[in-house]
Structure formats: C-alpha cells, structure tokens
Amino acid sequence: MTLGLYVHIPFCRHKCLYCDFPSYAGLERYCQGYVEALCRDIAASPYAGQGADTVYVGGGTPSMLEAGDVSRILKTLRQTFCIASDAEITIEANPDSLDYDKAAALADCGVNRLSLGVQSFSDTMLAFLGRVHTAAQGEAAIQAAYAAGIHNLSLDLMYGLPGQSLHDWQDTLDNVLRLNPEHISCYGLKIEEGTPFYDMKDFLNLPDDDLQADMYMAAIEALRARGFRQY
C-alpha cells in the first residue's frame, strides 16, 4: 500500500470570516512546541516504514512556519516513511507569508508544489473575506515562487462572494490565467455554521443561485479555453 501523507499546521495570522477549518490566530508562540510534538507523533506512526508518494502540509497557514521547522518536519517524514524520490511535496501558503526568501528556503527543503490561497484579485473582495493580503501581494507571491524555482503552483479562488459581480469573477480569472499556474481550484463560498459569516449571513448581499451558476459556468469556459481539464 502506498500512502499519501497529510500534515496539519493549525496556525494563522488571521482567521478568515468564512473559515471553519481547525485553525487559530494569535497563537504563534506555540509553533515551536507544536512542531516538536508533531515530529514525535510522526516518528511513532503505526504506518512507519510504508511507502508514500505524496506529502501535503495544510492548515491553517503552514507558510507561517520558519523554513527550518518545515525542513525538520519533512526530514522526520523521510526518516519514518519510504517517501518516493519523485514524490509530490506540497505546502499551503498565503501571499502575506510568502516572499522569495521563504519560497527559496522551502524549495531547498524539498517542497516542489505550492497551494497558494489567492482567493481573489479584487482588494474589495479580499477585504470582505477578512483576508490579510492584497491582490498585488497575491501576484508577488506567485512570481516569488516562480523565481525560487517552484513552478508547480495550485491557486485557490473563490466565487459567490458578498457583493461580487460576474465581471469581478471574470476579472479574477483573467488575472490568474495570465500568470500560467499549473492548477486552479475554484470554490463557491459556503456559509458554515460557527463562522462570523454565518452570524451575518442575512446581511452579506450574496449572489443569488442564478448568478453563482453563471460564475461556475464562466470558470468552466475560461479554464477549458486555456487547456485546463476539469475534475
């Protein structure tokens, strides 16, 4: 049996208004202790010695960690599992915590794929979501990854956002496509119970079902025209 390994980093600089994932803001002081405990847990895995062909470090915001901590986690994984020499090793990153130095350090650790939480190329939409980066920072992070030699990028995008028009969404798609990512993940905003958005859902001015369907189809058409295969 070949494994796919997932490692969770639960720290964030800021908790987004829509997020219901296990992630916590303002607890950076626990990062070092968490990494130490995580590495002990990995080393004690009952699956130790088995082969693995993918590693995915998600969160939270794993790019908040120091590169040395990421290196330690990956080293422990390699010592514990038989990770293929051509394994895809992905780390999630947010634009506000990814510059050239961080991207280059991650590449040196063996990271060969980044999942970048761009979400939108509209500063207005990003502010509505509670994101802490700007559209310019999103593009700068993508260029930093390319400059560091990481060309396998997956970009997360969201549609159906408060006050978002079809034109806004098409503009985000156009901006992303000109940057030539390998993979694009498009998500419709879902209002989850327990999030700040849930408490204000009646006042969010969300696109109606017909407009969200138009956004979905616009993504399919734009991406298919550029050679992307939907799955």
C-alpha atoms as a PDB file:
ATOM      1  CA  MET A   1       0.000   0.000   0.000  1.00  0.00           C
ATOM      2  CA  THR A   2       1.340   3.432  -0.979  1.00  0.00           C
ATOM      3  CA  LEU A   3       0.393   6.263   1.324  1.00  0.00           C
ATOM      4  CA  GLY A   4      -0.471   9.894   0.802  1.00  0.00           C
ATOM      5  CA  LEU A   5       0.667  11.824   3.880  1.00  0.00           C
ATOM      6  CA  TYR A   6      -1.168  14.854   5.271  1.00  0.00           C
ATOM      7  CA  VAL A   7       0.306  17.093   7.981  1.00  0.00           C
ATOM      8  CA  HIS A   8      -1.804  19.813   9.593  1.00  0.00           C
ATOM      9  CA  ILE A   9      -0.453  23.160  10.786  1.00  0.00           C
ATOM     10  CA  PRO A  10      -3.241  24.915  12.735  1.00  0.00           C
ATOM     11  CA  PHE A  11      -1.789  28.434  12.984  1.00  0.00           C
ATOM     12  CA  CYS A  12      -2.990  31.508  11.092  1.00  0.00           C
ATOM     13  CA  ARG A  13      -2.087  35.162  11.175  1.00  0.00           C
ATOM     14  CA  HIS A  14      -5.801  35.983  10.998  1.00  0.00           C
ATOM     15  CA  LYS A  15      -8.894  33.787  10.981  1.00  0.00           C
ATOM     16  CA  CYS A  16     -10.878  34.466   7.812  1.00  0.00           C
ATOM     17  CA  LEU A  17     -14.558  35.268   8.252  1.00  0.00           C
ATOM     18  CA  TYR A  18     -15.709  32.203   6.278  1.00  0.00           C
ATOM     19  CA  CYS A  19     -13.260  29.625   7.619  1.00  0.00           C
ATOM     20  CA  ASP A  20     -14.440  26.621   9.643  1.00  0.00           C
ATOM     21  CA  PHE A  21     -11.186  24.669   9.431  1.00  0.00           C
ATOM     22  CA  PRO A  22      -9.270  23.868  12.647  1.00  0.00           C
ATOM     23  CA  SER A  23      -7.018  26.913  12.648  1.00  0.00           C
ATOM     24  CA  TYR A  24      -6.220  29.536  15.256  1.00  0.00           C
ATOM     25  CA  ALA A  25      -4.945  33.099  15.128  1.00  0.00           C
ATOM     26  CA  GLY A  26      -2.641  34.753  17.636  1.00  0.00           C
ATOM     27  CA  LEU A  27      -1.050  31.539  18.928  1.00  0.00           C
ATOM     28  CA  GLU A  28       2.289  31.762  17.129  1.00  0.00           C
ATOM     29  CA  ARG A  29       4.067  31.319  20.473  1.00  0.00           C
ATOM     30  CA  TYR A  30       3.047  27.659  20.346  1.00  0.00           C
ATOM     31  CA  CYS A  31       4.526  26.955  16.902  1.00  0.00           C
ATOM     32  CA  GLN A  32       7.838  25.583  18.152  1.00  0.00           C
ATOM     33  CA  GLY A  33       6.241  23.295  20.701  1.00  0.00           C
ATOM     34  CA  TYR A  34       3.724  22.117  18.136  1.00  0.00           C
ATOM     35  CA  VAL A  35       6.434  21.207  15.636  1.00  0.00           C
ATOM     36  CA  GLU A  36       8.311  19.247  18.297  1.00  0.00           C
ATOM     37  CA  ALA A  37       5.172  17.333  19.303  1.00  0.00           C
ATOM     38  CA  LEU A  38       4.256  16.790  15.645  1.00  0.00           C
ATOM     39  CA  CYS A  39       7.643  15.265  14.854  1.00  0.00           C
ATOM     40  CA  ARG A  40       7.348  12.917  17.855  1.00  0.00           C
ATOM     41  CA  ASP A  41       3.911  11.879  16.634  1.00  0.00           C
ATOM     42  CA  ILE A  42       5.160  11.252  13.100  1.00  0.00           C
ATOM     43  CA  ALA A  43       8.065   9.138  14.362  1.00  0.00           C
ATOM     44  CA  ALA A  44       5.650   6.990  16.388  1.00  0.00           C
ATOM     45  CA  SER A  45       3.294   6.347  13.454  1.00  0.00           C
ATOM     46  CA  PRO A  46       1.957   2.774  13.220  1.00  0.00           C
ATOM     47  CA  TYR A  47       2.482   3.091   9.451  1.00  0.00           C
ATOM     48  CA  ALA A  48       6.214   3.726   9.766  1.00  0.00           C
ATOM     49  CA  GLY A  49       8.234   2.099   7.028  1.00  0.00           C
ATOM     50  CA  GLN A  50       5.488   2.168   4.429  1.00  0.00           C
ATOM     51  CA  GLY A  51       5.920   3.901   1.086  1.00  0.00           C
ATOM     52  CA  ALA A  52       4.441   7.305   0.300  1.00  0.00           C
ATOM     53  CA  ASP A  53       4.239   9.167  -2.988  1.00  0.00           C
ATOM     54  CA  THR A  54       2.635  12.434  -1.848  1.00  0.00           C
ATOM     55  CA  VAL A  55       3.094  14.756   1.116  1.00  0.00           C
ATOM     56  CA  TYR A  56       0.651  17.604   1.742  1.00  0.00           C
ATOM     57  CA  VAL A  57       1.242  20.147   4.501  1.00  0.00           C
ATOM     58  CA  GLY A  58      -2.015  22.031   5.043  1.00  0.00           C
ATOM     59  CA  GLY A  59      -3.617  24.314   7.556  1.00  0.00           C
ATOM     60  CA  GLY A  60      -4.072  26.870   8.811  1.00  0.00           C
ATOM     61  CA  THR A  61      -1.177  28.657   7.191  1.00  0.00           C
ATOM     62  CA  PRO A  62       1.892  26.388   7.032  1.00  0.00           C
ATOM     63  CA  SER A  63       3.918  29.151   5.359  1.00  0.00           C
ATOM     64  CA  MET A  64       3.861  30.945   8.724  1.00  0.00           C
ATOM     65  CA  LEU A  65       6.401  28.406   9.979  1.00  0.00           C
ATOM     66  CA  GLU A  66      10.095  29.092   9.736  1.00  0.00           C
ATOM     67  CA  ALA A  67      11.693  27.179   6.869  1.00  0.00           C
ATOM     68  CA  GLY A  68      13.807  25.321   9.407  1.00  0.00           C
ATOM     69  CA  ASP A  69      10.652  23.968  11.042  1.00  0.00           C
ATOM     70  CA  VAL A  70       9.299  22.814   7.671  1.00  0.00           C
ATOM     71  CA  SER A  71      12.657  21.154   6.985  1.00  0.00           C
ATOM     72  CA  ARG A  72      12.508  19.356  10.324  1.00  0.00           C
ATOM     73  CA  ILE A  73       9.001  18.064   9.632  1.00  0.00           C
ATOM     74  CA  LEU A  74       9.951  16.810   6.165  1.00  0.00           C
ATOM     75  CA  LYS A  75      13.143  15.230   7.486  1.00  0.00           C
ATOM     76  CA  THR A  76      11.134  13.365  10.123  1.00  0.00           C
ATOM     77  CA  LEU A  77       8.695  12.175   7.480  1.00  0.00           C
ATOM     78  CA  ARG A  78      11.561  10.894   5.333  1.00  0.00           C
ATOM     79  CA  GLN A  79      13.093   9.106   8.299  1.00  0.00           C
ATOM     80  CA  THR A  80       9.782   7.490   9.198  1.00  0.00           C
ATOM     81  CA  PHE A  81       8.325   6.626   5.777  1.00  0.00           C
ATOM     82  CA  CYS A  82       9.776   5.482   2.484  1.00  0.00           C
ATOM     83  CA  ILE A  83       8.964   8.597   0.507  1.00  0.00           C
ATOM     84  CA  ALA A  84       9.453   8.215  -3.238  1.00  0.00           C
ATOM     85  CA  SER A  85      12.286  10.208  -4.766  1.00  0.00           C
ATOM     86  CA  ASP A  86       9.800  11.806  -7.178  1.00  0.00           C
ATOM     87  CA  ALA A  87       7.104  12.404  -4.556  1.00  0.00           C
ATOM     88  CA  GLU A  88       4.925  15.484  -4.882  1.00  0.00           C
ATOM     89  CA  ILE A  89       5.554  17.566  -1.757  1.00  0.00           C
ATOM     90  CA  THR A  90       3.031  20.367  -1.338  1.00  0.00           C
ATOM     91  CA  ILE A  91       2.723  23.092   1.244  1.00  0.00           C
ATOM     92  CA  GLU A  92      -0.148  25.529   1.578  1.00  0.00           C
ATOM     93  CA  ALA A  93       0.838  29.186   1.670  1.00  0.00           C
ATOM     94  CA  ASN A  94      -0.812  32.572   1.946  1.00  0.00           C
ATOM     95  CA  PRO A  95       0.540  35.524  -0.048  1.00  0.00           C
ATOM     96  CA  ASP A  96       1.249  37.604   3.061  1.00  0.00           C
ATOM     97  CA  SER A  97       3.720  34.983   4.329  1.00  0.00           C
ATOM     98  CA  LEU A  98       5.452  34.019   1.095  1.00  0.00           C
ATOM     99  CA  ASP A  99       8.281  36.048  -0.404  1.00  0.00           C
ATOM    100  CA  TYR A 100      11.272  34.967  -2.477  1.00  0.00           C
ATOM    101  CA  ASP A 101      13.434  34.066   0.527  1.00  0.00           C
ATOM    102  CA  LYS A 102      10.706  31.885   2.054  1.00  0.00           C
ATOM    103  CA  ALA A 103       9.911  30.240  -1.285  1.00  0.00           C
ATOM    104  CA  ALA A 104      13.590  29.530  -1.953  1.00  0.00           C
ATOM    105  CA  ALA A 105      14.038  28.087   1.539  1.00  0.00           C
ATOM    106  CA  LEU A 106      11.007  25.842   1.057  1.00  0.00           C
ATOM    107  CA  ALA A 107      12.383  24.656  -2.284  1.00  0.00           C
ATOM    108  CA  ASP A 108      15.668  23.811  -0.555  1.00  0.00           C
ATOM    109  CA  CYS A 109      13.679  21.681   1.926  1.00  0.00           C
ATOM    110  CA  GLY A 110      12.292  19.629  -0.943  1.00  0.00           C
ATOM    111  CA  VAL A 111       8.940  21.366  -1.441  1.00  0.00           C
ATOM    112  CA  ASN A 112       8.099  21.123  -5.148  1.00  0.00           C
ATOM    113  CA  ARG A 113       4.481  22.292  -5.174  1.00  0.00           C
ATOM    114  CA  LEU A 114       2.702  25.231  -3.550  1.00  0.00           C
ATOM    115  CA  SER A 115      -1.016  25.580  -2.919  1.00  0.00           C
ATOM    116  CA  LEU A 116      -1.469  29.338  -2.725  1.00  0.00           C
ATOM    117  CA  GLY A 117      -4.560  30.904  -1.174  1.00  0.00           C
ATOM    118  CA  VAL A 118      -5.052  33.792  -3.598  1.00  0.00           C
ATOM    119  CA  GLN A 119      -8.904  33.620  -3.433  1.00  0.00           C
ATOM    120  CA  SER A 120      -9.458  36.826  -5.443  1.00  0.00           C
ATOM    121  CA  PHE A 121      -7.683  39.536  -7.409  1.00  0.00           C
ATOM    122  CA  SER A 122     -10.063  42.163  -6.082  1.00  0.00           C
ATOM    123  CA  ASP A 123      -8.927  44.046  -2.982  1.00  0.00           C
ATOM    124  CA  THR A 124     -12.584  44.732  -2.190  1.00  0.00           C
ATOM    125  CA  MET A 125     -13.465  41.044  -2.256  1.00  0.00           C
ATOM    126  CA  LEU A 126     -10.397  40.132  -0.205  1.00  0.00           C
ATOM    127  CA  ALA A 127     -11.375  42.663   2.453  1.00  0.00           C
ATOM    128  CA  PHE A 128     -14.918  41.252   2.584  1.00  0.00           C
ATOM    129  CA  LEU A 129     -13.457  37.795   3.235  1.00  0.00           C
ATOM    130  CA  GLY A 130     -11.218  39.019   6.023  1.00  0.00           C
ATOM    131  CA  ARG A 131      -8.062  38.132   4.074  1.00  0.00           C
ATOM    132  CA  VAL A 132      -4.916  39.956   5.159  1.00  0.00           C
ATOM    133  CA  HIS A 133      -3.232  40.137   1.739  1.00  0.00           C
ATOM    134  CA  THR A 134      -3.882  42.348  -1.266  1.00  0.00           C
ATOM    135  CA  ALA A 135      -4.220  41.446  -4.926  1.00  0.00           C
ATOM    136  CA  ALA A 136      -0.721  42.847  -5.521  1.00  0.00           C
ATOM    137  CA  GLN A 137       0.677  40.596  -2.785  1.00  0.00           C
ATOM    138  CA  GLY A 138      -1.040  37.636  -4.412  1.00  0.00           C
ATOM    139  CA  GLU A 139       0.713  38.264  -7.710  1.00  0.00           C
ATOM    140  CA  ALA A 140       4.029  38.979  -5.959  1.00  0.00           C
ATOM    141  CA  ALA A 141       3.832  35.632  -4.114  1.00  0.00           C
ATOM    142  CA  ILE A 142       3.235  33.783  -7.380  1.00  0.00           C
ATOM    143  CA  GLN A 143       6.212  35.491  -9.010  1.00  0.00           C
ATOM    144  CA  ALA A 144       8.340  34.772  -5.919  1.00  0.00           C
ATOM    145  CA  ALA A 145       7.542  31.066  -6.202  1.00  0.00           C
ATOM    146  CA  TYR A 146       8.484  31.023  -9.879  1.00  0.00           C
ATOM    147  CA  ALA A 147      11.725  32.896  -9.163  1.00  0.00           C
ATOM    148  CA  ALA A 148      12.585  30.338  -6.470  1.00  0.00           C
ATOM    149  CA  GLY A 149      12.149  27.504  -8.939  1.00  0.00           C
ATOM    150  CA  ILE A 150       8.738  26.232  -7.795  1.00  0.00           C
ATOM    151  CA  HIS A 151       6.669  26.178 -10.969  1.00  0.00           C
ATOM    152  CA  ASN A 152       4.045  23.677  -9.862  1.00  0.00           C
ATOM    153  CA  LEU A 153       1.505  26.081  -8.385  1.00  0.00           C
ATOM    154  CA  SER A 154      -2.094  25.440  -7.430  1.00  0.00           C
ATOM    155  CA  LEU A 155      -4.099  28.618  -6.882  1.00  0.00           C
ATOM    156  CA  ASP A 156      -7.263  28.688  -4.759  1.00  0.00           C
ATOM    157  CA  LEU A 157     -10.021  31.007  -5.988  1.00  0.00           C
ATOM    158  CA  MET A 158     -13.462  31.713  -4.526  1.00  0.00           C
ATOM    159  CA  TYR A 159     -16.651  32.872  -6.189  1.00  0.00           C
ATOM    160  CA  GLY A 160     -20.109  33.712  -4.867  1.00  0.00           C
ATOM    161  CA  LEU A 161     -18.610  36.332  -2.563  1.00  0.00           C
ATOM    162  CA  PRO A 162     -20.502  39.176  -0.851  1.00  0.00           C
ATOM    163  CA  GLY A 163     -21.239  41.874  -3.417  1.00  0.00           C
ATOM    164  CA  GLN A 164     -19.330  40.030  -6.167  1.00  0.00           C
ATOM    165  CA  SER A 165     -20.460  40.553  -9.739  1.00  0.00           C
ATOM    166  CA  LEU A 166     -19.888  38.265 -12.705  1.00  0.00           C
ATOM    167  CA  HIS A 167     -17.449  40.866 -14.033  1.00  0.00           C
ATOM    168  CA  ASP A 168     -15.477  40.773 -10.767  1.00  0.00           C
ATOM    169  CA  TRP A 169     -15.157  36.993 -11.036  1.00  0.00           C
ATOM    170  CA  GLN A 170     -14.174  37.075 -14.706  1.00  0.00           C
ATOM    171  CA  ASP A 171     -11.539  39.696 -13.902  1.00  0.00           C
ATOM    172  CA  THR A 172     -10.038  37.420 -11.235  1.00  0.00           C
ATOM    173  CA  LEU A 173      -9.975  34.512 -13.696  1.00  0.00           C
ATOM    174  CA  ASP A 174      -8.273  36.685 -16.333  1.00  0.00           C
ATOM    175  CA  ASN A 175      -5.645  37.859 -13.845  1.00  0.00           C
ATOM    176  CA  VAL A 176      -4.895  34.318 -12.707  1.00  0.00           C
ATOM    177  CA  LEU A 177      -4.681  32.858 -16.190  1.00  0.00           C
ATOM    178  CA  ARG A 178      -2.092  35.381 -17.340  1.00  0.00           C
ATOM    179  CA  LEU A 179       0.183  34.026 -14.566  1.00  0.00           C
ATOM    180  CA  ASN A 180       0.096  30.485 -16.031  1.00  0.00           C
ATOM    181  CA  PRO A 181      -0.488  28.291 -12.951  1.00  0.00           C
ATOM    182  CA  GLU A 182      -0.444  24.507 -13.280  1.00  0.00           C
ATOM    183  CA  HIS A 183      -3.672  24.002 -11.338  1.00  0.00           C
ATOM    184  CA  ILE A 184      -6.614  26.126 -10.229  1.00  0.00           C
ATOM    185  CA  SER A 185      -9.095  25.186  -7.519  1.00  0.00           C
ATOM    186  CA  CYS A 186     -12.350  27.150  -7.767  1.00  0.00           C
ATOM    187  CA  TYR A 187     -14.644  27.094  -4.760  1.00  0.00           C
ATOM    188  CA  GLY A 188     -18.105  28.542  -4.285  1.00  0.00           C
ATOM    189  CA  LEU A 189     -18.380  30.305  -0.938  1.00  0.00           C
ATOM    190  CA  LYS A 190     -20.274  28.160   1.561  1.00  0.00           C
ATOM    191  CA  ILE A 191     -21.562  29.754   4.727  1.00  0.00           C
ATOM    192  CA  GLU A 192     -20.651  27.385   7.555  1.00  0.00           C
ATOM    193  CA  GLU A 193     -22.270  27.384  10.978  1.00  0.00           C
ATOM    194  CA  GLY A 194     -19.938  28.688  13.660  1.00  0.00           C
ATOM    195  CA  THR A 195     -18.181  31.219  11.424  1.00  0.00           C
ATOM    196  CA  PRO A 196     -18.591  35.017  11.595  1.00  0.00           C
ATOM    197  CA  PHE A 197     -20.196  34.906   8.143  1.00  0.00           C
ATOM    198  CA  TYR A 198     -22.902  32.600   9.497  1.00  0.00           C
ATOM    199  CA  ASP A 199     -23.894  35.194  12.090  1.00  0.00           C
ATOM    200  CA  MET A 200     -24.160  37.915   9.448  1.00  0.00           C
ATOM    201  CA  LYS A 201     -25.476  35.791   6.562  1.00  0.00           C
ATOM    202  CA  ASP A 202     -28.701  37.773   6.228  1.00  0.00           C
ATOM    203  CA  PHE A 203     -26.744  40.974   5.547  1.00  0.00           C
ATOM    204  CA  LEU A 204     -23.966  39.720   3.254  1.00  0.00           C
ATOM    205  CA  ASN A 205     -25.503  40.588  -0.141  1.00  0.00           C
ATOM    206  CA  LEU A 206     -24.524  37.219  -1.548  1.00  0.00           C
ATOM    207  CA  PRO A 207     -25.037  36.498  -5.262  1.00  0.00           C
ATOM    208  CA  ASP A 208     -28.252  34.556  -5.879  1.00  0.00           C
ATOM    209  CA  ASP A 209     -28.253  30.976  -7.167  1.00  0.00           C
ATOM    210  CA  ASP A 210     -28.564  32.008 -10.823  1.00  0.00           C
ATOM    211  CA  LEU A 211     -25.587  34.367 -10.611  1.00  0.00           C
ATOM    212  CA  GLN A 212     -23.496  31.767  -8.816  1.00  0.00           C
ATOM    213  CA  ALA A 213     -24.352  29.271 -11.556  1.00  0.00           C
ATOM    214  CA  ASP A 214     -23.224  31.844 -14.142  1.00  0.00           C
ATOM    215  CA  MET A 215     -19.939  32.246 -12.244  1.00  0.00           C
ATOM    216  CA  TYR A 216     -19.452  28.483 -12.221  1.00  0.00           C
ATOM    217  CA  MET A 217     -20.036  28.241 -15.957  1.00  0.00           C
ATOM    218  CA  ALA A 218     -17.772  31.231 -16.615  1.00  0.00           C
ATOM    219  CA  ALA A 219     -14.955  29.427 -14.810  1.00  0.00           C
ATOM    220  CA  ILE A 220     -15.515  26.238 -16.796  1.00  0.00           C
ATOM    221  CA  GLU A 221     -15.498  28.095 -20.101  1.00  0.00           C
ATOM    222  CA  ALA A 222     -12.478  30.296 -19.333  1.00  0.00           C
ATOM    223  CA  LEU A 223     -10.372  27.446 -17.981  1.00  0.00           C
ATOM    224  CA  ARG A 224     -11.319  24.981 -20.702  1.00  0.00           C
ATOM    225  CA  ALA A 225     -10.349  27.555 -23.321  1.00  0.00           C
ATOM    226  CA  ARG A 226      -6.879  27.668 -21.767  1.00  0.00           C
ATOM    227  CA  GLY A 227      -6.455  23.886 -21.776  1.00  0.00           C
ATOM    228  CA  PHE A 228      -7.393  23.099 -18.184  1.00  0.00           C
ATOM    229  CA  ARG A 229      -9.120  19.774 -17.564  1.00  0.00           C
ATOM    230  CA  GLN A 230     -11.924  19.851 -15.013  1.00  0.00           C
ATOM    231  CA  TYR A 231     -12.151  17.039 -12.471  1.00  0.00           C
END
